Amino acid sequence: MGSEKQGFIWLSGLLFLNILVLSTADVHYYEFFLQESQFTKLCSTKSILTVNGSFPGPEIRVRRGDTVFVNVHNQGNHAVSLKWEGVKGSIDGSNELIQPGTNFTYKIELKGEIGTLWWHATSAWAAATVHGAFVISPAANEDYPFPAPTSDQTIILGQWFKQELTEGDKTIAPGRADAYTINGHPGETYGCSNDTTFEMQVDYEGLYLVRVINAVVNETMVFAVASHSFTIVGQNGAYTKRSFTNSLTLAPAQVVDVLLCANVNVGHYYITARPSSGTYITNGILRYLTTSS
C-alpha cells in the first residue's frame, strides 16, 4: 500500500511539472534560406550549400516544452530535406524533399527534450555544410540539476572538403575530409596562413556549459581542452548522471553537454579535435580574460 501511494505521489508530481512547463511554453519562428555561398579555407575558395549564408548554420535556442516553426526556403540547386536529431516526436514532412524554388515549414513540438540537439541535411553531401545546433534551455520556472553555469558555449565539430560535393546535376558522397573544423574554423595546423582559429574566452573561476556536437559524417571524434577536465551532465537531449573525464569521444551525430571550470593557471590553452583514426587534427584556443586574485 505504501509503495502504491508513493508511486501515485511521484506520478502526480510529474504530471504537475509537465502542466507547469506547458503553461509557460512559447512559440518560436525561424526562417532558413538554403543558398550557395563562397567560402575560402585551406587557401582555396569554393561554393558550398549553406543556411542563411553561414557555416555552421544558425543556432535555434528555445526552452523546454516550446513549439518551434522553421520555414525552409530552398534557393539552392538541389532538393534537400532536414533532419532534427534527438527530437522525440514525429515531425510532418521530415521525409520529404524540399525542391529548389519551394519552401516548407517544419513544426517541432518539444516535450521532455532538454540540453542540446542539432539539425542537419539528410543527404551526406549536404550535411557536410548544412547543419546547426538546437539548444533547449530549462523552462522559465526550472533550474539546472547541477551548478548554474556562468555562460554556455556551443561547439560543432565539422569537416571540410577541397573537392566540390556537387557536379552538375549529380551529388558526390564525401570521402575522407581534407580538414576538420571547430565552429567552421580549421585552426592553424593545415599550413594555410589565411585560415581562422576558433577562440573561446573565459573568466578565471567561471563555470561554463559546453555543448559539443559531432557533425562529422562517419567519423568518431576526440575532443579535449589542454589542462582542463570535463563533467558530463547531458547527452543527446537529456540529462545524464554526472561523470568526469579529460577528453570526449563522440560517435557520429552524438552530442555531449559538459561543465568546464576555468580554474587553472591563467593563460591560453589549446582546444583540440581529431578523428579517432588519427588523421589530421584541428585546434582552437581557450583564452582567459581575467587574472586570478
C-alpha atoms as a PDB file:
ATOM      1  CA  MET A   1       0.000   0.000   0.000  1.00  0.00           C
ATOM      2  CA  GLY A   2       2.846   2.356   0.918  1.00  0.00           C
ATOM      3  CA  SER A   3       4.651   1.769  -2.395  1.00  0.00           C
ATOM      4  CA  GLU A   4       1.431   2.367  -4.362  1.00  0.00           C
ATOM      5  CA  LYS A   5       0.920   5.659  -2.522  1.00  0.00           C
ATOM      6  CA  GLN A   6       4.494   6.720  -3.222  1.00  0.00           C
ATOM      7  CA  GLY A   7       4.042   5.837  -6.895  1.00  0.00           C
ATOM      8  CA  PHE A   8       0.849   7.890  -7.060  1.00  0.00           C
ATOM      9  CA  ILE A   9       2.599  10.883  -5.450  1.00  0.00           C
ATOM     10  CA  TRP A  10       5.505  10.589  -7.935  1.00  0.00           C
ATOM     11  CA  LEU A  11       3.178  10.405 -10.934  1.00  0.00           C
ATOM     12  CA  SER A  12       1.134  13.319  -9.624  1.00  0.00           C
ATOM     13  CA  GLY A  13       4.280  15.398  -9.190  1.00  0.00           C
ATOM     14  CA  LEU A  14       5.462  14.569 -12.704  1.00  0.00           C
ATOM     15  CA  LEU A  15       2.067  15.481 -14.176  1.00  0.00           C
ATOM     16  CA  PHE A  16       2.072  18.775 -12.261  1.00  0.00           C
ATOM     17  CA  LEU A  17       5.568  19.592 -13.539  1.00  0.00           C
ATOM     18  CA  ASN A  18       4.554  18.879 -17.149  1.00  0.00           C
ATOM     19  CA  ILE A  19       1.458  21.075 -16.803  1.00  0.00           C
ATOM     20  CA  LEU A  20       3.577  23.839 -15.283  1.00  0.00           C
ATOM     21  CA  VAL A  21       6.101  23.661 -18.128  1.00  0.00           C
ATOM     22  CA  LEU A  22       3.428  23.639 -20.833  1.00  0.00           C
ATOM     23  CA  SER A  23       1.668  26.611 -19.242  1.00  0.00           C
ATOM     24  CA  THR A  24       4.813  28.706 -19.685  1.00  0.00           C
ATOM     25  CA  ALA A  25       5.749  27.410 -23.155  1.00  0.00           C
ATOM     26  CA  ASP A  26       6.438  29.816 -26.012  1.00  0.00           C
ATOM     27  CA  VAL A  27       6.208  29.596 -29.811  1.00  0.00           C
ATOM     28  CA  HIS A  28       9.255  30.494 -31.932  1.00  0.00           C
ATOM     29  CA  TYR A  29       9.591  31.170 -35.672  1.00  0.00           C
ATOM     30  CA  TYR A  30      12.768  30.765 -37.722  1.00  0.00           C
ATOM     31  CA  GLU A  31      13.428  31.451 -41.404  1.00  0.00           C
ATOM     32  CA  PHE A  32      16.072  29.253 -43.049  1.00  0.00           C
ATOM     33  CA  PHE A  33      17.304  30.130 -46.552  1.00  0.00           C
ATOM     34  CA  LEU A  34      19.251  27.367 -48.292  1.00  0.00           C
ATOM     35  CA  GLN A  35      21.681  29.074 -50.680  1.00  0.00           C
ATOM     36  CA  GLU A  36      25.062  28.677 -52.361  1.00  0.00           C
ATOM     37  CA  SER A  37      27.802  30.751 -50.678  1.00  0.00           C
ATOM     38  CA  GLN A  38      31.507  31.291 -51.336  1.00  0.00           C
ATOM     39  CA  PHE A  39      33.918  30.247 -48.579  1.00  0.00           C
ATOM     40  CA  THR A  40      37.722  30.281 -48.505  1.00  0.00           C
ATOM     41  CA  LYS A  41      39.530  27.659 -46.438  1.00  0.00           C
ATOM     42  CA  LEU A  42      42.801  25.754 -46.879  1.00  0.00           C
ATOM     43  CA  CYS A  43      43.914  28.574 -49.219  1.00  0.00           C
ATOM     44  CA  SER A  44      41.230  27.900 -51.824  1.00  0.00           C
ATOM     45  CA  THR A  45      37.716  29.189 -52.463  1.00  0.00           C
ATOM     46  CA  LYS A  46      34.697  27.056 -53.252  1.00  0.00           C
ATOM     47  CA  SER A  47      30.916  27.294 -53.312  1.00  0.00           C
ATOM     48  CA  ILE A  48      29.051  25.407 -50.587  1.00  0.00           C
ATOM     49  CA  LEU A  49      25.403  24.984 -49.681  1.00  0.00           C
ATOM     50  CA  THR A  50      24.605  26.956 -46.526  1.00  0.00           C
ATOM     51  CA  VAL A  51      21.682  28.073 -44.404  1.00  0.00           C
ATOM     52  CA  ASN A  52      21.448  31.872 -44.201  1.00  0.00           C
ATOM     53  CA  GLY A  53      24.951  32.117 -45.638  1.00  0.00           C
ATOM     54  CA  SER A  54      26.734  30.706 -42.586  1.00  0.00           C
ATOM     55  CA  PHE A  55      28.839  27.624 -41.836  1.00  0.00           C
ATOM     56  CA  PRO A  56      27.809  26.112 -39.486  1.00  0.00           C
ATOM     57  CA  GLY A  57      24.202  27.184 -39.862  1.00  0.00           C
ATOM     58  CA  PRO A  58      22.129  29.295 -37.447  1.00  0.00           C
ATOM     59  CA  GLU A  59      21.509  28.119 -33.906  1.00  0.00           C
ATOM     60  CA  ILE A  60      17.982  27.516 -32.667  1.00  0.00           C
ATOM     61  CA  ARG A  61      17.667  28.446 -28.980  1.00  0.00           C
ATOM     62  CA  VAL A  62      14.428  27.814 -27.083  1.00  0.00           C
ATOM     63  CA  ARG A  63      13.149  26.462 -23.747  1.00  0.00           C
ATOM     64  CA  ARG A  64      11.859  23.061 -22.745  1.00  0.00           C
ATOM     65  CA  GLY A  65       8.285  22.482 -23.890  1.00  0.00           C
ATOM     66  CA  ASP A  66       8.316  25.236 -26.531  1.00  0.00           C
ATOM     67  CA  THR A  67       6.990  24.857 -30.077  1.00  0.00           C
ATOM     68  CA  VAL A  68       9.249  25.805 -33.000  1.00  0.00           C
ATOM     69  CA  PHE A  69       8.293  26.579 -36.591  1.00  0.00           C
ATOM     70  CA  VAL A  70      11.177  26.536 -39.099  1.00  0.00           C
ATOM     71  CA  ASN A  71      10.300  27.767 -42.586  1.00  0.00           C
ATOM     72  CA  VAL A  72      12.940  26.445 -45.015  1.00  0.00           C
ATOM     73  CA  HIS A  73      13.292  28.221 -48.384  1.00  0.00           C
ATOM     74  CA  ASN A  74      15.337  26.199 -50.869  1.00  0.00           C
ATOM     75  CA  GLN A  75      17.221  28.717 -53.017  1.00  0.00           C
ATOM     76  CA  GLY A  76      19.881  26.155 -53.917  1.00  0.00           C
ATOM     77  CA  ASN A  77      20.242  23.899 -56.946  1.00  0.00           C
ATOM     78  CA  HIS A  78      19.289  20.544 -55.419  1.00  0.00           C
ATOM     79  CA  ALA A  79      16.393  19.092 -53.442  1.00  0.00           C
ATOM     80  CA  VAL A  80      17.156  18.941 -49.708  1.00  0.00           C
ATOM     81  CA  SER A  81      15.401  17.924 -46.508  1.00  0.00           C
ATOM     82  CA  LEU A  82      16.366  18.497 -42.882  1.00  0.00           C
ATOM     83  CA  LYS A  83      16.606  16.002 -40.033  1.00  0.00           C
ATOM     84  CA  TRP A  84      16.074  17.024 -36.405  1.00  0.00           C
ATOM     85  CA  GLU A  85      18.382  14.814 -34.345  1.00  0.00           C
ATOM     86  CA  GLY A  86      17.090  13.979 -30.878  1.00  0.00           C
ATOM     87  CA  VAL A  87      13.530  15.300 -31.242  1.00  0.00           C
ATOM     88  CA  LYS A  88      11.305  12.605 -29.767  1.00  0.00           C
ATOM     89  CA  GLY A  89       8.018  13.333 -31.515  1.00  0.00           C
ATOM     90  CA  SER A  90       7.287  12.821 -35.190  1.00  0.00           C
ATOM     91  CA  ILE A  91       7.681  15.830 -37.499  1.00  0.00           C
ATOM     92  CA  ASP A  92       5.435  16.167 -40.535  1.00  0.00           C
ATOM     93  CA  GLY A  93       7.358  16.390 -43.795  1.00  0.00           C
ATOM     94  CA  SER A  94      10.646  15.182 -42.355  1.00  0.00           C
ATOM     95  CA  ASN A  95      10.919  12.523 -45.072  1.00  0.00           C
ATOM     96  CA  GLU A  96      10.003  14.822 -47.954  1.00  0.00           C
ATOM     97  CA  LEU A  97      12.486  16.682 -50.144  1.00  0.00           C
ATOM     98  CA  ILE A  98      12.194  20.454 -50.488  1.00  0.00           C
ATOM     99  CA  GLN A  99      12.602  21.135 -54.193  1.00  0.00           C
ATOM    100  CA  PRO A 100      14.609  24.133 -55.481  1.00  0.00           C
ATOM    101  CA  GLY A 101      12.454  27.258 -55.610  1.00  0.00           C
ATOM    102  CA  THR A 102       9.999  25.995 -52.973  1.00  0.00           C
ATOM    103  CA  ASN A 103       9.697  26.180 -49.210  1.00  0.00           C
ATOM    104  CA  PHE A 104       8.414  24.006 -46.383  1.00  0.00           C
ATOM    105  CA  THR A 105       7.674  24.750 -42.725  1.00  0.00           C
ATOM    106  CA  TYR A 106       8.638  22.201 -40.074  1.00  0.00           C
ATOM    107  CA  LYS A 107       6.599  22.221 -36.854  1.00  0.00           C
ATOM    108  CA  ILE A 108       8.610  20.900 -33.910  1.00  0.00           C
ATOM    109  CA  GLU A 109       6.743  20.350 -30.644  1.00  0.00           C
ATOM    110  CA  LEU A 110       9.202  19.826 -27.817  1.00  0.00           C
ATOM    111  CA  LYS A 111       8.239  17.668 -24.859  1.00  0.00           C
ATOM    112  CA  GLY A 112      10.851  16.367 -22.439  1.00  0.00           C
ATOM    113  CA  GLU A 113      13.918  17.190 -24.553  1.00  0.00           C
ATOM    114  CA  ILE A 114      16.484  19.253 -22.648  1.00  0.00           C
ATOM    115  CA  GLY A 115      20.072  20.296 -23.337  1.00  0.00           C
ATOM    116  CA  THR A 116      21.480  20.136 -26.840  1.00  0.00           C
ATOM    117  CA  LEU A 117      20.125  18.659 -30.064  1.00  0.00           C
ATOM    118  CA  TRP A 118      21.084  19.523 -33.633  1.00  0.00           C
ATOM    119  CA  TRP A 119      19.700  19.641 -37.134  1.00  0.00           C
ATOM    120  CA  HIS A 120      21.286  18.748 -40.499  1.00  0.00           C
ATOM    121  CA  ALA A 121      20.536  17.947 -44.107  1.00  0.00           C
ATOM    122  CA  THR A 122      19.593  14.328 -44.641  1.00  0.00           C
ATOM    123  CA  SER A 123      21.987  13.632 -47.543  1.00  0.00           C
ATOM    124  CA  ALA A 124      25.658  13.196 -46.637  1.00  0.00           C
ATOM    125  CA  TRP A 125      26.985  15.677 -49.209  1.00  0.00           C
ATOM    126  CA  ALA A 126      24.695  18.475 -47.993  1.00  0.00           C
ATOM    127  CA  ALA A 127      25.043  17.610 -44.300  1.00  0.00           C
ATOM    128  CA  ALA A 128      28.775  18.433 -44.532  1.00  0.00           C
ATOM    129  CA  THR A 129      27.877  22.153 -44.594  1.00  0.00           C
ATOM    130  CA  VAL A 130      24.162  22.326 -43.773  1.00  0.00           C
ATOM    131  CA  HIS A 131      23.880  21.777 -40.021  1.00  0.00           C
ATOM    132  CA  GLY A 132      23.481  23.697 -36.777  1.00  0.00           C
ATOM    133  CA  ALA A 133      22.743  23.477 -33.065  1.00  0.00           C
ATOM    134  CA  PHE A 134      19.339  23.198 -31.418  1.00  0.00           C
ATOM    135  CA  VAL A 135      19.717  24.380 -27.814  1.00  0.00           C
ATOM    136  CA  ILE A 136      16.933  23.707 -25.308  1.00  0.00           C
ATOM    137  CA  SER A 137      17.315  25.571 -22.009  1.00  0.00           C
ATOM    138  CA  PRO A 138      15.277  24.795 -18.881  1.00  0.00           C
ATOM    139  CA  ALA A 139      11.777  26.248 -18.782  1.00  0.00           C
ATOM    140  CA  ALA A 140      11.336  29.632 -17.129  1.00  0.00           C
ATOM    141  CA  ASN A 141      10.359  28.013 -13.835  1.00  0.00           C
ATOM    142  CA  GLU A 142      13.069  25.323 -13.886  1.00  0.00           C
ATOM    143  CA  ASP A 143      16.653  25.164 -12.639  1.00  0.00           C
ATOM    144  CA  TYR A 144      19.584  23.120 -13.869  1.00  0.00           C
ATOM    145  CA  PRO A 145      20.092  19.886 -11.863  1.00  0.00           C
ATOM    146  CA  PHE A 146      23.740  20.916 -11.487  1.00  0.00           C
ATOM    147  CA  PRO A 147      25.517  24.166 -10.512  1.00  0.00           C
ATOM    148  CA  ALA A 148      24.262  27.008 -12.699  1.00  0.00           C
ATOM    149  CA  PRO A 149      26.873  27.871 -15.354  1.00  0.00           C
ATOM    150  CA  THR A 150      28.356  31.333 -15.777  1.00  0.00           C
ATOM    151  CA  SER A 151      27.709  31.037 -19.506  1.00  0.00           C
ATOM    152  CA  ASP A 152      27.427  28.406 -22.215  1.00  0.00           C
ATOM    153  CA  GLN A 153      29.278  27.709 -25.440  1.00  0.00           C
ATOM    154  CA  THR A 154      28.214  25.587 -28.399  1.00  0.00           C
ATOM    155  CA  ILE A 155      30.993  23.755 -30.235  1.00  0.00           C
ATOM    156  CA  ILE A 156      30.284  21.988 -33.522  1.00  0.00           C
ATOM    157  CA  LEU A 157      32.948  19.637 -34.817  1.00  0.00           C
ATOM    158  CA  GLY A 158      32.783  19.677 -38.619  1.00  0.00           C
ATOM    159  CA  GLN A 159      34.775  18.805 -41.705  1.00  0.00           C
ATOM    160  CA  TRP A 160      35.966  20.499 -44.871  1.00  0.00           C
ATOM    161  CA  PHE A 161      36.457  19.091 -48.371  1.00  0.00           C
ATOM    162  CA  LYS A 162      38.532  20.711 -51.086  1.00  0.00           C
ATOM    163  CA  GLN A 163      36.505  18.972 -53.775  1.00  0.00           C
ATOM    164  CA  GLU A 164      33.089  20.158 -54.885  1.00  0.00           C
ATOM    165  CA  LEU A 165      30.426  17.902 -53.418  1.00  0.00           C
ATOM    166  CA  THR A 166      28.126  18.609 -56.346  1.00  0.00           C
ATOM    167  CA  GLU A 167      28.966  18.332 -60.030  1.00  0.00           C
ATOM    168  CA  GLY A 168      26.271  19.429 -62.458  1.00  0.00           C
ATOM    169  CA  ASP A 169      23.111  17.532 -61.612  1.00  0.00           C
ATOM    170  CA  LYS A 170      24.983  14.858 -59.654  1.00  0.00           C
ATOM    171  CA  THR A 171      25.892  14.828 -55.987  1.00  0.00           C
ATOM    172  CA  ILE A 172      29.027  13.214 -54.584  1.00  0.00           C
ATOM    173  CA  ALA A 173      29.130  11.363 -51.295  1.00  0.00           C
ATOM    174  CA  PRO A 174      32.043  12.843 -49.310  1.00  0.00           C
ATOM    175  CA  GLY A 175      35.068  10.652 -48.664  1.00  0.00           C
ATOM    176  CA  ARG A 176      37.817  11.437 -46.183  1.00  0.00           C
ATOM    177  CA  ALA A 177      37.867  15.098 -45.195  1.00  0.00           C
ATOM    178  CA  ASP A 178      40.792  17.361 -46.068  1.00  0.00           C
ATOM    179  CA  ALA A 179      40.420  19.181 -42.750  1.00  0.00           C
ATOM    180  CA  TYR A 180      38.341  19.229 -39.595  1.00  0.00           C
ATOM    181  CA  THR A 181      36.798  22.347 -38.108  1.00  0.00           C
ATOM    182  CA  ILE A 182      35.655  23.798 -34.786  1.00  0.00           C
ATOM    183  CA  ASN A 183      32.638  26.024 -35.404  1.00  0.00           C
ATOM    184  CA  GLY A 184      33.743  26.334 -39.024  1.00  0.00           C
ATOM    185  CA  HIS A 185      37.386  27.248 -38.237  1.00  0.00           C
ATOM    186  CA  PRO A 186      40.143  24.872 -39.442  1.00  0.00           C
ATOM    187  CA  GLY A 187      42.717  26.244 -36.996  1.00  0.00           C
ATOM    188  CA  GLU A 188      46.441  26.663 -37.562  1.00  0.00           C
ATOM    189  CA  THR A 189      47.509  23.069 -38.274  1.00  0.00           C
ATOM    190  CA  TYR A 190      46.870  22.824 -42.025  1.00  0.00           C
ATOM    191  CA  GLY A 191      49.596  25.143 -43.313  1.00  0.00           C
ATOM    192  CA  CYS A 192      47.434  27.957 -44.711  1.00  0.00           C
ATOM    193  CA  SER A 193      48.184  31.345 -43.134  1.00  0.00           C
ATOM    194  CA  ASN A 194      44.721  32.664 -44.012  1.00  0.00           C
ATOM    195  CA  ASP A 195      42.828  30.002 -42.048  1.00  0.00           C
ATOM    196  CA  THR A 196      40.983  31.186 -38.957  1.00  0.00           C
ATOM    197  CA  THR A 197      41.097  29.681 -35.460  1.00  0.00           C
ATOM    198  CA  PHE A 198      38.163  29.314 -33.086  1.00  0.00           C
ATOM    199  CA  GLU A 199      38.615  31.078 -29.736  1.00  0.00           C
ATOM    200  CA  MET A 200      36.601  30.599 -26.548  1.00  0.00           C
ATOM    201  CA  GLN A 201      37.085  33.319 -23.937  1.00  0.00           C
ATOM    202  CA  VAL A 202      36.606  32.586 -20.240  1.00  0.00           C
ATOM    203  CA  ASP A 203      36.956  34.345 -16.897  1.00  0.00           C
ATOM    204  CA  TYR A 204      39.017  32.807 -14.116  1.00  0.00           C
ATOM    205  CA  GLU A 205      36.861  30.535 -11.900  1.00  0.00           C
ATOM    206  CA  GLY A 206      33.949  30.797 -14.326  1.00  0.00           C
ATOM    207  CA  LEU A 207      31.818  27.686 -14.859  1.00  0.00           C
ATOM    208  CA  TYR A 208      30.899  27.022 -18.492  1.00  0.00           C
ATOM    209  CA  LEU A 209      28.334  24.677 -20.003  1.00  0.00           C
ATOM    210  CA  VAL A 210      29.978  23.475 -23.212  1.00  0.00           C
ATOM    211  CA  ARG A 211      27.719  21.807 -25.773  1.00  0.00           C
ATOM    212  CA  VAL A 212      29.791  19.598 -28.100  1.00  0.00           C
ATOM    213  CA  ILE A 213      28.205  18.284 -31.325  1.00  0.00           C
ATOM    214  CA  ASN A 214      29.910  15.821 -33.653  1.00  0.00           C
ATOM    215  CA  ALA A 215      28.668  16.823 -37.114  1.00  0.00           C
ATOM    216  CA  VAL A 216      31.440  14.875 -38.869  1.00  0.00           C
ATOM    217  CA  VAL A 217      29.980  12.252 -41.191  1.00  0.00           C
ATOM    218  CA  ASN A 218      31.197   8.693 -40.466  1.00  0.00           C
ATOM    219  CA  GLU A 219      33.992   9.718 -38.074  1.00  0.00           C
ATOM    220  CA  THR A 220      34.281   9.299 -34.317  1.00  0.00           C
ATOM    221  CA  MET A 221      35.885  12.476 -32.962  1.00  0.00           C
ATOM    222  CA  VAL A 222      38.055  13.041 -29.879  1.00  0.00           C
ATOM    223  CA  PHE A 223      37.698  16.455 -28.222  1.00  0.00           C
ATOM    224  CA  ALA A 224      39.815  17.930 -25.423  1.00  0.00           C
ATOM    225  CA  VAL A 225      40.997  21.168 -23.810  1.00  0.00           C
ATOM    226  CA  ALA A 226      44.603  21.112 -22.593  1.00  0.00           C
ATOM    227  CA  SER A 227      44.978  21.061 -18.761  1.00  0.00           C
ATOM    228  CA  HIS A 228      41.192  21.083 -18.242  1.00  0.00           C
ATOM    229  CA  SER A 229      38.735  18.329 -17.372  1.00  0.00           C
ATOM    230  CA  PHE A 230      35.021  17.929 -18.049  1.00  0.00           C
ATOM    231  CA  THR A 231      31.979  16.968 -16.011  1.00  0.00           C
ATOM    232  CA  ILE A 232      29.478  15.259 -18.311  1.00  0.00           C
ATOM    233  CA  VAL A 233      25.921  16.380 -17.485  1.00  0.00           C
ATOM    234  CA  GLY A 234      23.912  15.578 -20.613  1.00  0.00           C
ATOM    235  CA  GLN A 235      23.826  13.643 -23.876  1.00  0.00           C
ATOM    236  CA  ASN A 236      21.610  13.780 -26.949  1.00  0.00           C
ATOM    237  CA  GLY A 237      18.878  15.980 -25.487  1.00  0.00           C
ATOM    238  CA  ALA A 238      18.659  14.566 -21.958  1.00  0.00           C
ATOM    239  CA  TYR A 239      20.364  14.989 -18.605  1.00  0.00           C
ATOM    240  CA  THR A 240      22.655  12.172 -17.505  1.00  0.00           C
ATOM    241  CA  LYS A 241      24.270  11.009 -14.304  1.00  0.00           C
ATOM    242  CA  ARG A 242      27.358  13.139 -13.788  1.00  0.00           C
ATOM    243  CA  SER A 243      30.727  11.646 -14.724  1.00  0.00           C
ATOM    244  CA  PHE A 244      34.235  13.034 -15.122  1.00  0.00           C
ATOM    245  CA  THR A 245      36.730  12.838 -17.975  1.00  0.00           C
ATOM    246  CA  ASN A 246      39.732  14.593 -19.503  1.00  0.00           C
ATOM    247  CA  SER A 247      38.511  14.146 -23.090  1.00  0.00           C
ATOM    248  CA  LEU A 248      35.360  13.294 -25.008  1.00  0.00           C
ATOM    249  CA  THR A 249      34.974  10.598 -27.644  1.00  0.00           C
ATOM    250  CA  LEU A 250      31.909  11.336 -29.745  1.00  0.00           C
ATOM    251  CA  ALA A 251      30.369   8.944 -32.248  1.00  0.00           C
ATOM    252  CA  PRO A 252      28.955  10.436 -35.469  1.00  0.00           C
ATOM    253  CA  ALA A 253      25.897  12.625 -34.691  1.00  0.00           C
ATOM    254  CA  GLN A 254      26.483  12.352 -30.930  1.00  0.00           C
ATOM    255  CA  VAL A 255      26.022  15.364 -28.651  1.00  0.00           C
ATOM    256  CA  VAL A 256      27.551  15.714 -25.176  1.00  0.00           C
ATOM    257  CA  ASP A 257      26.968  18.546 -22.687  1.00  0.00           C
ATOM    258  CA  VAL A 258      29.777  19.142 -20.198  1.00  0.00           C
ATOM    259  CA  LEU A 259      30.713  21.581 -17.464  1.00  0.00           C
ATOM    260  CA  LEU A 260      34.166  23.140 -17.731  1.00  0.00           C
ATOM    261  CA  CYS A 261      35.588  25.045 -14.765  1.00  0.00           C
ATOM    262  CA  ALA A 262      38.158  27.695 -15.740  1.00  0.00           C
ATOM    263  CA  ASN A 263      40.318  27.241 -12.656  1.00  0.00           C
ATOM    264  CA  VAL A 264      43.851  26.541 -13.882  1.00  0.00           C
ATOM    265  CA  ASN A 265      46.748  28.955 -14.310  1.00  0.00           C
ATOM    266  CA  VAL A 266      45.594  31.976 -16.283  1.00  0.00           C
ATOM    267  CA  GLY A 267      46.766  31.914 -19.906  1.00  0.00           C
ATOM    268  CA  HIS A 268      45.632  30.307 -23.123  1.00  0.00           C
ATOM    269  CA  TYR A 269      45.231  26.596 -23.843  1.00  0.00           C
ATOM    270  CA  TYR A 270      44.740  24.533 -26.981  1.00  0.00           C
ATOM    271  CA  ILE A 271      41.338  23.098 -27.784  1.00  0.00           C
ATOM    272  CA  THR A 272      41.831  20.030 -29.992  1.00  0.00           C
ATOM    273  CA  ALA A 273      39.591  17.866 -32.139  1.00  0.00           C
ATOM    274  CA  ARG A 274      40.705  14.877 -34.189  1.00  0.00           C
ATOM    275  CA  PRO A 275      39.175  11.754 -35.676  1.00  0.00           C
ATOM    276  CA  SER A 276      39.840   8.597 -33.679  1.00  0.00           C
ATOM    277  CA  SER A 277      41.619   7.250 -36.775  1.00  0.00           C
ATOM    278  CA  GLY A 278      44.337   9.822 -36.026  1.00  0.00           C
ATOM    279  CA  THR A 279      44.314  11.519 -39.433  1.00  0.00           C
ATOM    280  CA  TYR A 280      44.720  15.300 -39.154  1.00  0.00           C
ATOM    281  CA  ILE A 281      43.898  17.437 -36.135  1.00  0.00           C
ATOM    282  CA  THR A 282      42.326  20.833 -35.726  1.00  0.00           C
ATOM    283  CA  ASN A 283      42.835  23.252 -32.891  1.00  0.00           C
ATOM    284  CA  GLY A 284      41.198  26.222 -31.214  1.00  0.00           C
ATOM    285  CA  ILE A 285      42.174  28.407 -28.269  1.00  0.00           C
ATOM    286  CA  LEU A 286      40.694  28.682 -24.767  1.00  0.00           C
ATOM    287  CA  ARG A 287      41.761  32.126 -23.568  1.00  0.00           C
ATOM    288  CA  TYR A 288      41.448  33.541 -20.058  1.00  0.00           C
ATOM    289  CA  LEU A 289      40.360  37.190 -19.957  1.00  0.00           C
ATOM    290  CA  THR A 290      40.759  37.869 -16.226  1.00  0.00           C
ATOM    291  CA  THR A 291      43.542  37.021 -13.781  1.00  0.00           C
ATOM    292  CA  SER A 292      43.365  35.069 -10.554  1.00  0.00           C
ATOM    293  CA  SER A 293      43.436  37.064  -7.333  1.00  0.00           C
END
